[in-house]
Amino acid sequence: MTKPVLYLMICGAGPADHIDRMIKLAHADGWDVWCLATPSAVEHFLDLDALEALTGHVVRTGHQRAGQPPLPKARAVIVAPATYNTINKWAAGIADTYVLTQLAELTGLGVPIVVLPFVNTALAANRVFQRSVAELRESGVTVLFGEGGFVPHPPRTGGQVMDSYPWEAALRAATRSDFGNIGDENMPVKP
């Protein structure tokens, strides 16, 4: 029996140092995990060889080259940690990285996508970010932002919330059929 495919889109933020937690949870839940990473995640946070050993697949960081096998069709996508930059660019239709191009395509195809942000309260309070979250939700993307999902932390305290980053919430949302949004769509969250 073939396992369902989960794309795990990894952005450059603190929880990327702990992405193995998400992968192990997904494996335990029966998913075949394929990682796609932004340049910032690759440069600052990820050990690509370790991720390949853990998932059994090469981490995709760029477009498919001639002779390279295509990605298998995903049943669901989790974007975690999703950065301020990626969320805003994606919502604005900017596809200047491989991950953003894939997210634009997958959104257009209607593939279930769950976003688990990692932003501080100052970034979350920015109207541009709030509009981007609303735009993604309007596009059918599940954004786990607010109570029950990711709650922003005060600036310069991100390292203190690594152990409470809600990986499990993202996986639960990816396995649900209703794909409802979690959190208050009218953020900001006060520290």
N, C-alpha and C. Protein backbone atom coordinates (compact mmCIF):
# COMPACT_ATOMS: atom_id res chain seq x y z
N MET A 1 0.83 -1.19 0.00
CA MET A 1 0.00 0.00 0.00
C MET A 1 0.88 1.25 0.00
N THR A 2 0.55 2.19 -0.85
CA THR A 2 1.31 3.42 -0.96
C THR A 2 0.86 4.41 0.11
N LYS A 3 1.83 5.01 0.77
CA LYS A 3 1.52 6.02 1.78
C LYS A 3 1.13 7.32 1.11
N PRO A 4 0.24 8.10 1.74
CA PRO A 4 -0.09 9.42 1.18
C PRO A 4 1.13 10.35 1.27
N VAL A 5 1.27 11.18 0.26
CA VAL A 5 2.43 12.08 0.19
C VAL A 5 2.09 13.42 0.84
N LEU A 6 2.99 13.87 1.70
CA LEU A 6 2.89 15.17 2.35
C LEU A 6 4.11 15.98 1.93
N TYR A 7 3.86 17.17 1.34
CA TYR A 7 4.95 18.10 1.09
C TYR A 7 5.12 18.94 2.35
N LEU A 8 6.34 19.01 2.84
CA LEU A 8 6.67 19.87 3.97
C LEU A 8 7.54 20.99 3.45
N MET A 9 6.95 22.21 3.36
CA MET A 9 7.65 23.39 2.87
C MET A 9 8.30 24.08 4.08
N ILE A 10 9.61 24.20 4.05
CA ILE A 10 10.36 24.69 5.20
C ILE A 10 10.96 26.06 4.88
N CYS A 11 10.61 27.04 5.70
CA CYS A 11 11.13 28.40 5.56
C CYS A 11 12.21 28.65 6.61
N GLY A 12 12.96 29.72 6.44
CA GLY A 12 14.09 30.05 7.30
C GLY A 12 13.68 30.77 8.57
N ALA A 13 13.30 30.00 9.58
CA ALA A 13 12.97 30.54 10.90
C ALA A 13 13.36 29.49 11.95
N GLY A 14 13.46 29.93 13.19
CA GLY A 14 13.94 29.09 14.29
C GLY A 14 13.43 27.65 14.33
N PRO A 15 12.11 27.42 14.18
CA PRO A 15 11.64 26.03 14.25
C PRO A 15 12.22 25.11 13.18
N ALA A 16 12.78 25.67 12.11
CA ALA A 16 13.39 24.82 11.08
C ALA A 16 14.53 23.98 11.67
N ASP A 17 15.16 24.48 12.74
CA ASP A 17 16.20 23.70 13.43
C ASP A 17 15.64 22.40 14.02
N HIS A 18 14.32 22.36 14.18
CA HIS A 18 13.66 21.22 14.81
C HIS A 18 12.68 20.53 13.85
N ILE A 19 12.90 20.66 12.56
CA ILE A 19 11.97 20.13 11.56
C ILE A 19 11.84 18.62 11.65
N ASP A 20 12.84 17.96 12.22
CA ASP A 20 12.76 16.52 12.40
C ASP A 20 11.56 16.12 13.26
N ARG A 21 11.13 17.00 14.15
CA ARG A 21 9.94 16.71 14.97
C ARG A 21 8.71 16.55 14.09
N MET A 22 8.54 17.47 13.14
CA MET A 22 7.38 17.39 12.23
C MET A 22 7.46 16.13 11.38
N ILE A 23 8.64 15.84 10.88
CA ILE A 23 8.81 14.67 10.01
C ILE A 23 8.51 13.38 10.78
N LYS A 24 9.01 13.27 11.98
CA LYS A 24 8.77 12.06 12.78
C LYS A 24 7.29 11.91 13.12
N LEU A 25 6.61 13.01 13.44
CA LEU A 25 5.17 12.96 13.70
C LEU A 25 4.41 12.50 12.45
N ALA A 26 4.79 13.05 11.30
CA ALA A 26 4.11 12.70 10.05
C ALA A 26 4.37 11.23 9.68
N HIS A 27 5.61 10.77 9.86
CA HIS A 27 5.91 9.36 9.59
C HIS A 27 5.07 8.46 10.49
N ALA A 28 4.99 8.80 11.77
CA ALA A 28 4.20 8.00 12.72
C ALA A 28 2.72 7.97 12.33
N ASP A 29 2.28 9.01 11.64
CA ASP A 29 0.88 9.11 11.21
C ASP A 29 0.67 8.48 9.82
N GLY A 30 1.72 7.92 9.24
CA GLY A 30 1.58 7.20 7.99
C GLY A 30 1.85 7.99 6.72
N TRP A 31 2.45 9.17 6.82
CA TRP A 31 2.74 9.99 5.65
C TRP A 31 4.11 9.68 5.07
N ASP A 32 4.25 9.85 3.76
CA ASP A 32 5.52 9.84 3.06
C ASP A 32 5.88 11.31 2.88
N VAL A 33 6.90 11.78 3.60
CA VAL A 33 7.22 13.21 3.65
C VAL A 33 8.29 13.58 2.63
N TRP A 34 7.99 14.61 1.84
CA TRP A 34 8.92 15.19 0.87
C TRP A 34 9.16 16.64 1.28
N CYS A 35 10.41 16.99 1.54
CA CYS A 35 10.75 18.35 1.99
C CYS A 35 11.14 19.24 0.82
N LEU A 36 10.63 20.47 0.86
CA LEU A 36 11.01 21.53 -0.07
C LEU A 36 11.43 22.70 0.80
N ALA A 37 12.55 23.33 0.50
CA ALA A 37 13.09 24.36 1.40
C ALA A 37 13.43 25.65 0.68
N THR A 38 13.21 26.76 1.39
CA THR A 38 13.58 28.07 0.87
C THR A 38 15.10 28.25 0.97
N PRO A 39 15.67 29.18 0.19
CA PRO A 39 17.11 29.43 0.29
C PRO A 39 17.55 29.79 1.72
N SER A 40 16.75 30.58 2.43
CA SER A 40 17.11 30.97 3.79
C SER A 40 17.13 29.76 4.73
N ALA A 41 16.18 28.86 4.57
CA ALA A 41 16.15 27.65 5.41
C ALA A 41 17.40 26.81 5.16
N VAL A 42 17.77 26.67 3.89
CA VAL A 42 18.95 25.88 3.53
C VAL A 42 20.22 26.54 4.07
N GLU A 43 20.32 27.85 3.89
CA GLU A 43 21.55 28.56 4.28
C GLU A 43 21.76 28.61 5.79
N HIS A 44 20.67 28.78 6.55
CA HIS A 44 20.83 29.05 7.97
C HIS A 44 20.39 27.95 8.93
N PHE A 45 19.58 26.99 8.48
CA PHE A 45 18.96 26.09 9.44
C PHE A 45 19.06 24.59 9.16
N LEU A 46 19.10 24.17 7.91
CA LEU A 46 18.90 22.76 7.60
C LEU A 46 20.19 22.00 7.31
N ASP A 47 20.19 20.75 7.72
CA ASP A 47 21.22 19.78 7.33
C ASP A 47 20.55 18.90 6.28
N LEU A 48 20.81 19.18 5.01
CA LEU A 48 20.12 18.50 3.92
C LEU A 48 20.40 16.99 3.90
N ASP A 49 21.60 16.60 4.24
CA ASP A 49 21.92 15.17 4.27
C ASP A 49 21.13 14.46 5.37
N ALA A 50 21.02 15.08 6.52
CA ALA A 50 20.25 14.48 7.62
C ALA A 50 18.77 14.38 7.25
N LEU A 51 18.25 15.40 6.58
CA LEU A 51 16.84 15.35 6.17
C LEU A 51 16.61 14.27 5.12
N GLU A 52 17.56 14.11 4.21
CA GLU A 52 17.44 13.05 3.20
C GLU A 52 17.45 11.69 3.87
N ALA A 53 18.33 11.50 4.85
CA ALA A 53 18.39 10.23 5.56
C ALA A 53 17.08 9.97 6.32
N LEU A 54 16.51 11.00 6.90
CA LEU A 54 15.28 10.85 7.68
C LEU A 54 14.07 10.58 6.80
N THR A 55 13.98 11.23 5.65
CA THR A 55 12.79 11.09 4.80
C THR A 55 12.96 10.04 3.71
N GLY A 56 14.21 9.76 3.33
CA GLY A 56 14.45 8.87 2.21
C GLY A 56 14.37 9.58 0.87
N HIS A 57 14.28 10.91 0.90
CA HIS A 57 14.16 11.69 -0.33
C HIS A 57 15.10 12.90 -0.28
N VAL A 58 15.62 13.28 -1.44
CA VAL A 58 16.42 14.49 -1.55
C VAL A 58 15.53 15.70 -1.25
N VAL A 59 16.06 16.66 -0.52
CA VAL A 59 15.33 17.89 -0.24
C VAL A 59 15.33 18.73 -1.52
N ARG A 60 14.14 19.15 -1.95
CA ARG A 60 14.04 19.98 -3.15
C ARG A 60 14.27 21.43 -2.78
N THR A 61 15.22 22.04 -3.48
CA THR A 61 15.54 23.45 -3.23
C THR A 61 15.45 24.28 -4.50
N GLY A 62 15.19 23.62 -5.62
CA GLY A 62 15.11 24.32 -6.89
C GLY A 62 14.25 23.54 -7.86
N HIS A 63 14.03 24.14 -9.01
CA HIS A 63 13.18 23.54 -10.03
C HIS A 63 13.75 22.23 -10.53
N GLN A 64 12.88 21.38 -11.01
CA GLN A 64 13.25 20.07 -11.52
C GLN A 64 14.18 20.22 -12.73
N ARG A 65 15.26 19.48 -12.71
CA ARG A 65 16.21 19.50 -13.82
C ARG A 65 15.93 18.32 -14.75
N ALA A 66 16.44 18.40 -15.96
CA ALA A 66 16.29 17.30 -16.91
C ALA A 66 16.85 16.03 -16.30
N GLY A 67 16.09 14.95 -16.39
CA GLY A 67 16.51 13.67 -15.85
C GLY A 67 16.17 13.46 -14.39
N GLN A 68 15.81 14.52 -13.69
CA GLN A 68 15.45 14.39 -12.28
C GLN A 68 13.99 13.94 -12.20
N PRO A 69 13.70 12.96 -11.36
CA PRO A 69 12.30 12.51 -11.27
C PRO A 69 11.41 13.61 -10.69
N PRO A 70 10.16 13.68 -11.16
CA PRO A 70 9.24 14.69 -10.62
C PRO A 70 8.81 14.33 -9.20
N LEU A 71 8.34 15.33 -8.50
CA LEU A 71 7.76 15.08 -7.18
C LEU A 71 6.50 14.25 -7.36
N PRO A 72 6.21 13.35 -6.43
CA PRO A 72 4.94 12.64 -6.51
C PRO A 72 3.80 13.60 -6.16
N LYS A 73 2.61 13.25 -6.55
CA LYS A 73 1.45 14.10 -6.25
C LYS A 73 1.19 14.12 -4.74
N ALA A 74 1.03 15.32 -4.20
CA ALA A 74 0.79 15.47 -2.75
C ALA A 74 -0.69 15.38 -2.43
N ARG A 75 -0.99 14.71 -1.33
CA ARG A 75 -2.35 14.72 -0.81
C ARG A 75 -2.57 15.97 0.05
N ALA A 76 -1.49 16.44 0.68
CA ALA A 76 -1.58 17.65 1.51
C ALA A 76 -0.21 18.31 1.59
N VAL A 77 -0.22 19.57 2.03
CA VAL A 77 1.00 20.37 2.16
C VAL A 77 0.97 21.03 3.53
N ILE A 78 2.12 21.04 4.19
CA ILE A 78 2.29 21.82 5.42
C ILE A 78 3.43 22.79 5.17
N VAL A 79 3.20 24.08 5.46
CA VAL A 79 4.23 25.10 5.37
C VAL A 79 4.60 25.46 6.80
N ALA A 80 5.80 25.00 7.24
CA ALA A 80 6.20 25.23 8.62
C ALA A 80 7.72 25.16 8.74
N PRO A 81 8.32 26.09 9.40
CA PRO A 81 7.73 27.33 9.86
C PRO A 81 7.50 28.28 8.68
N ALA A 82 6.37 28.91 8.66
CA ALA A 82 6.05 29.88 7.60
C ALA A 82 6.44 31.27 8.08
N THR A 83 7.32 31.91 7.35
CA THR A 83 7.83 33.22 7.76
C THR A 83 6.94 34.36 7.26
N TYR A 84 7.15 35.49 7.86
CA TYR A 84 6.50 36.75 7.45
C TYR A 84 6.72 36.97 5.96
N ASN A 85 7.96 36.81 5.52
CA ASN A 85 8.32 37.04 4.12
C ASN A 85 7.57 36.09 3.19
N THR A 86 7.59 34.81 3.47
CA THR A 86 6.93 33.83 2.61
C THR A 86 5.43 34.04 2.57
N ILE A 87 4.82 34.27 3.71
CA ILE A 87 3.36 34.47 3.77
C ILE A 87 2.96 35.69 2.95
N ASN A 88 3.69 36.80 3.12
CA ASN A 88 3.35 38.02 2.38
C ASN A 88 3.58 37.88 0.88
N LYS A 89 4.69 37.29 0.49
CA LYS A 89 4.95 37.11 -0.94
C LYS A 89 3.92 36.18 -1.57
N TRP A 90 3.63 35.07 -0.93
CA TRP A 90 2.68 34.11 -1.45
C TRP A 90 1.32 34.75 -1.66
N ALA A 91 0.84 35.48 -0.64
CA ALA A 91 -0.47 36.14 -0.72
C ALA A 91 -0.49 37.20 -1.81
N ALA A 92 0.66 37.82 -2.09
CA ALA A 92 0.74 38.86 -3.12
C ALA A 92 0.98 38.28 -4.52
N GLY A 93 1.14 36.97 -4.61
CA GLY A 93 1.35 36.35 -5.91
C GLY A 93 2.78 36.38 -6.41
N ILE A 94 3.72 36.63 -5.51
CA ILE A 94 5.13 36.67 -5.90
C ILE A 94 5.70 35.25 -5.79
N ALA A 95 6.29 34.78 -6.86
CA ALA A 95 6.84 33.42 -6.90
C ALA A 95 8.31 33.48 -7.29
N ASP A 96 9.13 34.08 -6.44
CA ASP A 96 10.54 34.28 -6.78
C ASP A 96 11.46 33.23 -6.16
N THR A 97 10.90 32.19 -5.55
CA THR A 97 11.68 31.04 -5.09
C THR A 97 10.94 29.78 -5.51
N TYR A 98 11.62 28.68 -5.48
CA TYR A 98 11.01 27.40 -5.84
C TYR A 98 9.81 27.10 -4.93
N VAL A 99 9.98 27.31 -3.63
CA VAL A 99 8.88 27.04 -2.69
C VAL A 99 7.67 27.91 -3.02
N LEU A 100 7.88 29.20 -3.28
CA LEU A 100 6.75 30.08 -3.60
C LEU A 100 6.08 29.69 -4.92
N THR A 101 6.86 29.27 -5.89
CA THR A 101 6.28 28.81 -7.16
C THR A 101 5.41 27.58 -6.92
N GLN A 102 5.92 26.65 -6.13
CA GLN A 102 5.15 25.44 -5.82
C GLN A 102 3.88 25.79 -5.05
N LEU A 103 3.98 26.69 -4.08
CA LEU A 103 2.80 27.08 -3.30
C LEU A 103 1.75 27.75 -4.18
N ALA A 104 2.19 28.59 -5.11
CA ALA A 104 1.24 29.24 -6.03
C ALA A 104 0.52 28.19 -6.87
N GLU A 105 1.26 27.23 -7.39
CA GLU A 105 0.65 26.17 -8.20
C GLU A 105 -0.30 25.31 -7.38
N LEU A 106 0.16 24.89 -6.22
CA LEU A 106 -0.65 24.00 -5.38
C LEU A 106 -1.92 24.68 -4.90
N THR A 107 -1.84 25.99 -4.63
CA THR A 107 -3.03 26.75 -4.25
C THR A 107 -4.02 26.75 -5.41
N GLY A 108 -3.52 27.01 -6.61
CA GLY A 108 -4.36 27.02 -7.80
C GLY A 108 -4.97 25.67 -8.10
N LEU A 109 -4.27 24.60 -7.76
CA LEU A 109 -4.79 23.25 -7.98
C LEU A 109 -5.79 22.81 -6.92
N GLY A 110 -5.86 23.56 -5.82
CA GLY A 110 -6.79 23.21 -4.75
C GLY A 110 -6.28 22.11 -3.83
N VAL A 111 -4.97 21.86 -3.82
CA VAL A 111 -4.40 20.88 -2.90
C VAL A 111 -4.53 21.44 -1.48
N PRO A 112 -4.97 20.63 -0.51
CA PRO A 112 -5.08 21.14 0.86
C PRO A 112 -3.73 21.60 1.41
N ILE A 113 -3.70 22.83 1.87
CA ILE A 113 -2.47 23.43 2.40
C ILE A 113 -2.73 23.97 3.81
N VAL A 114 -1.82 23.62 4.72
CA VAL A 114 -1.86 24.11 6.10
C VAL A 114 -0.63 24.97 6.32
N VAL A 115 -0.82 26.15 6.88
CA VAL A 115 0.28 27.07 7.16
C VAL A 115 0.42 27.23 8.68
N LEU A 116 1.63 27.01 9.16
CA LEU A 116 1.94 27.21 10.57
C LEU A 116 2.98 28.32 10.67
N PRO A 117 2.50 29.57 10.88
CA PRO A 117 3.42 30.72 10.90
C PRO A 117 4.42 30.65 12.06
N PHE A 118 5.45 31.45 11.93
CA PHE A 118 6.36 31.73 13.03
C PHE A 118 6.76 33.19 12.88
N VAL A 119 6.03 34.06 13.59
CA VAL A 119 6.27 35.50 13.56
C VAL A 119 6.14 36.04 14.98
N ASN A 120 6.78 37.17 15.22
CA ASN A 120 6.63 37.79 16.53
C ASN A 120 5.42 38.74 16.53
N THR A 121 5.10 39.27 17.69
CA THR A 121 3.92 40.12 17.81
C THR A 121 4.02 41.39 16.99
N ALA A 122 5.23 41.93 16.84
CA ALA A 122 5.39 43.15 16.04
C ALA A 122 5.10 42.87 14.57
N LEU A 123 5.59 41.77 14.04
CA LEU A 123 5.31 41.41 12.66
C LEU A 123 3.84 41.05 12.47
N ALA A 124 3.28 40.34 13.44
CA ALA A 124 1.87 39.93 13.36
C ALA A 124 0.94 41.14 13.40
N ALA A 125 1.36 42.22 14.04
CA ALA A 125 0.52 43.42 14.15
C ALA A 125 0.53 44.25 12.86
N ASN A 126 1.41 43.94 11.95
CA ASN A 126 1.53 44.68 10.69
C ASN A 126 0.30 44.40 9.82
N ARG A 127 -0.34 45.46 9.34
CA ARG A 127 -1.55 45.31 8.51
C ARG A 127 -1.30 44.49 7.26
N VAL A 128 -0.13 44.59 6.70
CA VAL A 128 0.20 43.82 5.50
C VAL A 128 0.13 42.32 5.82
N PHE A 129 0.68 41.94 6.94
CA PHE A 129 0.64 40.53 7.33
C PHE A 129 -0.79 40.06 7.58
N GLN A 130 -1.56 40.87 8.27
CA GLN A 130 -2.96 40.52 8.53
C GLN A 130 -3.74 40.35 7.22
N ARG A 131 -3.49 41.24 6.27
CA ARG A 131 -4.15 41.12 4.95
C ARG A 131 -3.70 39.86 4.23
N SER A 132 -2.43 39.51 4.37
CA SER A 132 -1.91 38.32 3.71
C SER A 132 -2.54 37.05 4.29
N VAL A 133 -2.66 36.99 5.60
CA VAL A 133 -3.32 35.84 6.23
C VAL A 133 -4.76 35.74 5.74
N ALA A 134 -5.46 36.87 5.71
CA ALA A 134 -6.85 36.88 5.24
C ALA A 134 -6.93 36.44 3.77
N GLU A 135 -6.00 36.90 2.95
CA GLU A 135 -5.98 36.54 1.53
C GLU A 135 -5.76 35.04 1.34
N LEU A 136 -4.82 34.48 2.08
CA LEU A 136 -4.57 33.04 1.97
C LEU A 136 -5.80 32.25 2.42
N ARG A 137 -6.43 32.68 3.50
CA ARG A 137 -7.64 32.00 3.95
C ARG A 137 -8.74 32.10 2.91
N GLU A 138 -8.87 33.25 2.29
CA GLU A 138 -9.87 33.45 1.24
C GLU A 138 -9.60 32.53 0.04
N SER A 139 -8.32 32.19 -0.15
CA SER A 139 -7.92 31.31 -1.24
C SER A 139 -8.06 29.83 -0.89
N GLY A 140 -8.56 29.54 0.32
CA GLY A 140 -8.79 28.16 0.72
C GLY A 140 -7.64 27.53 1.50
N VAL A 141 -6.65 28.32 1.86
CA VAL A 141 -5.51 27.82 2.62
C VAL A 141 -5.86 27.86 4.11
N THR A 142 -5.53 26.80 4.83
CA THR A 142 -5.74 26.76 6.27
C THR A 142 -4.55 27.40 6.97
N VAL A 143 -4.80 28.51 7.67
CA VAL A 143 -3.73 29.22 8.38
C VAL A 143 -3.97 29.04 9.88
N LEU A 144 -3.06 28.36 10.54
CA LEU A 144 -3.16 28.08 11.98
C LEU A 144 -2.53 29.23 12.74
N PHE A 145 -3.30 30.28 12.93
CA PHE A 145 -2.79 31.52 13.50
C PHE A 145 -3.76 32.01 14.55
N GLY A 146 -3.30 32.07 15.81
CA GLY A 146 -4.16 32.45 16.91
C GLY A 146 -4.39 31.26 17.83
N GLU A 147 -5.32 31.39 18.76
CA GLU A 147 -5.59 30.32 19.71
C GLU A 147 -5.88 29.01 18.99
N GLY A 148 -5.24 27.94 19.46
CA GLY A 148 -5.39 26.64 18.82
C GLY A 148 -4.39 26.40 17.72
N GLY A 149 -3.66 27.44 17.34
CA GLY A 149 -2.62 27.33 16.31
C GLY A 149 -1.36 27.99 16.83
N PHE A 150 -0.76 28.82 16.02
CA PHE A 150 0.44 29.53 16.45
C PHE A 150 0.06 30.89 17.01
N VAL A 151 0.54 31.18 18.21
CA VAL A 151 0.33 32.47 18.85
C VAL A 151 1.68 33.19 18.88
N PRO A 152 1.75 34.38 18.28
CA PRO A 152 3.02 35.10 18.20
C PRO A 152 3.62 35.41 19.57
N HIS A 153 4.92 35.51 19.58
CA HIS A 153 5.71 35.80 20.78
C HIS A 153 6.27 37.22 20.68
N PRO A 154 6.66 37.81 21.80
CA PRO A 154 7.28 39.14 21.74
C PRO A 154 8.59 39.09 20.93
N PRO A 155 8.96 40.21 20.31
CA PRO A 155 10.22 40.24 19.55
C PRO A 155 11.41 39.78 20.39
N ARG A 156 12.32 39.12 19.73
CA ARG A 156 13.56 38.61 20.31
C ARG A 156 13.35 37.57 21.41
N THR A 157 12.22 36.86 21.39
CA THR A 157 11.97 35.78 22.36
C THR A 157 11.63 34.46 21.65
N GLY A 158 11.85 34.41 20.35
CA GLY A 158 11.49 33.22 19.59
C GLY A 158 12.15 31.95 20.10
N GLY A 159 13.39 32.06 20.56
CA GLY A 159 14.09 30.88 21.08
C GLY A 159 13.42 30.27 22.29
N GLN A 160 12.63 31.05 22.99
CA GLN A 160 11.96 30.57 24.19
C GLN A 160 10.69 29.78 23.90
N VAL A 161 10.22 29.79 22.64
CA VAL A 161 8.95 29.13 22.33
C VAL A 161 9.12 27.90 21.42
N MET A 162 10.35 27.46 21.23
CA MET A 162 10.58 26.32 20.34
C MET A 162 9.86 25.06 20.81
N ASP A 163 9.89 24.81 22.11
CA ASP A 163 9.27 23.59 22.63
C ASP A 163 7.75 23.61 22.55
N SER A 164 7.16 24.79 22.41
CA SER A 164 5.69 24.87 22.34
C SER A 164 5.18 25.12 20.92
N TYR A 165 6.08 25.11 19.94
CA TYR A 165 5.66 25.31 18.54
C TYR A 165 4.69 24.17 18.19
N PRO A 166 3.51 24.49 17.69
CA PRO A 166 2.44 23.48 17.56
C PRO A 166 2.50 22.60 16.30
N TRP A 167 3.58 21.81 16.19
CA TRP A 167 3.72 20.89 15.05
C TRP A 167 2.50 19.99 14.93
N GLU A 168 2.04 19.47 16.08
CA GLU A 168 0.91 18.52 16.08
C GLU A 168 -0.34 19.15 15.50
N ALA A 169 -0.57 20.42 15.76
CA ALA A 169 -1.76 21.10 15.23
C ALA A 169 -1.73 21.11 13.70
N ALA A 170 -0.55 21.33 13.14
CA ALA A 170 -0.43 21.34 11.68
C ALA A 170 -0.73 19.97 11.10
N LEU A 171 -0.21 18.93 11.74
CA LEU A 171 -0.46 17.59 11.24
C LEU A 171 -1.92 17.20 11.37
N ARG A 172 -2.53 17.55 12.51
CA ARG A 172 -3.97 17.29 12.68
C ARG A 172 -4.78 17.99 11.59
N ALA A 173 -4.44 19.23 11.31
CA ALA A 173 -5.17 19.98 10.29
C ALA A 173 -4.98 19.36 8.91
N ALA A 174 -3.78 18.84 8.64
CA ALA A 174 -3.51 18.23 7.33
C ALA A 174 -4.29 16.93 7.14
N THR A 175 -4.64 16.28 8.22
CA THR A 175 -5.36 15.01 8.11
C THR A 175 -6.87 15.18 8.20
N ARG A 176 -7.33 16.37 8.55
CA ARG A 176 -8.77 16.64 8.62
C ARG A 176 -9.34 16.83 7.24
N SER A 177 -10.58 16.49 7.09
CA SER A 177 -11.21 16.67 5.78
C SER A 177 -11.82 18.06 5.62
N ASP A 178 -12.14 18.73 6.71
CA ASP A 178 -12.84 20.02 6.60
C ASP A 178 -11.89 21.19 6.38
N PHE A 179 -10.62 21.04 6.77
CA PHE A 179 -9.61 22.09 6.58
C PHE A 179 -10.10 23.47 7.00
N GLY A 180 -10.72 23.57 8.17
CA GLY A 180 -11.15 24.86 8.68
C GLY A 180 -9.96 25.65 9.20
N ASN A 181 -10.11 26.96 9.28
CA ASN A 181 -9.05 27.80 9.81
C ASN A 181 -9.14 27.85 11.32
N ILE A 182 -7.99 27.95 11.94
CA ILE A 182 -7.90 28.04 13.39
C ILE A 182 -7.32 29.40 13.72
N GLY A 183 -7.94 30.07 14.65
CA GLY A 183 -7.41 31.35 15.09
C GLY A 183 -8.29 32.50 14.70
N ASP A 184 -8.03 33.62 15.29
CA ASP A 184 -8.82 34.81 15.04
C ASP A 184 -8.32 35.48 13.78
N GLU A 185 -9.19 35.62 12.81
CA GLU A 185 -8.80 36.23 11.56
C GLU A 185 -8.53 37.73 11.71
N ASN A 186 -8.87 38.31 12.84
CA ASN A 186 -8.67 39.73 13.05
C ASN A 186 -7.55 39.97 14.05
N MET A 187 -6.43 39.25 13.89
CA MET A 187 -5.28 39.45 14.76
C MET A 187 -4.91 40.92 14.70
N PRO A 188 -4.17 41.58 15.49
CA PRO A 188 -2.98 41.07 16.12
C PRO A 188 -3.22 40.45 17.50
N VAL A 189 -2.26 39.65 17.90
CA VAL A 189 -2.24 39.07 19.22
C VAL A 189 -1.30 39.93 20.05
N LYS A 190 -1.76 40.36 21.18
CA LYS A 190 -0.93 41.20 22.06
C LYS A 190 0.01 40.31 22.85
N PRO A 191 1.23 40.78 23.16
CA PRO A 191 2.18 39.97 23.94
C PRO A 191 1.67 39.74 25.35
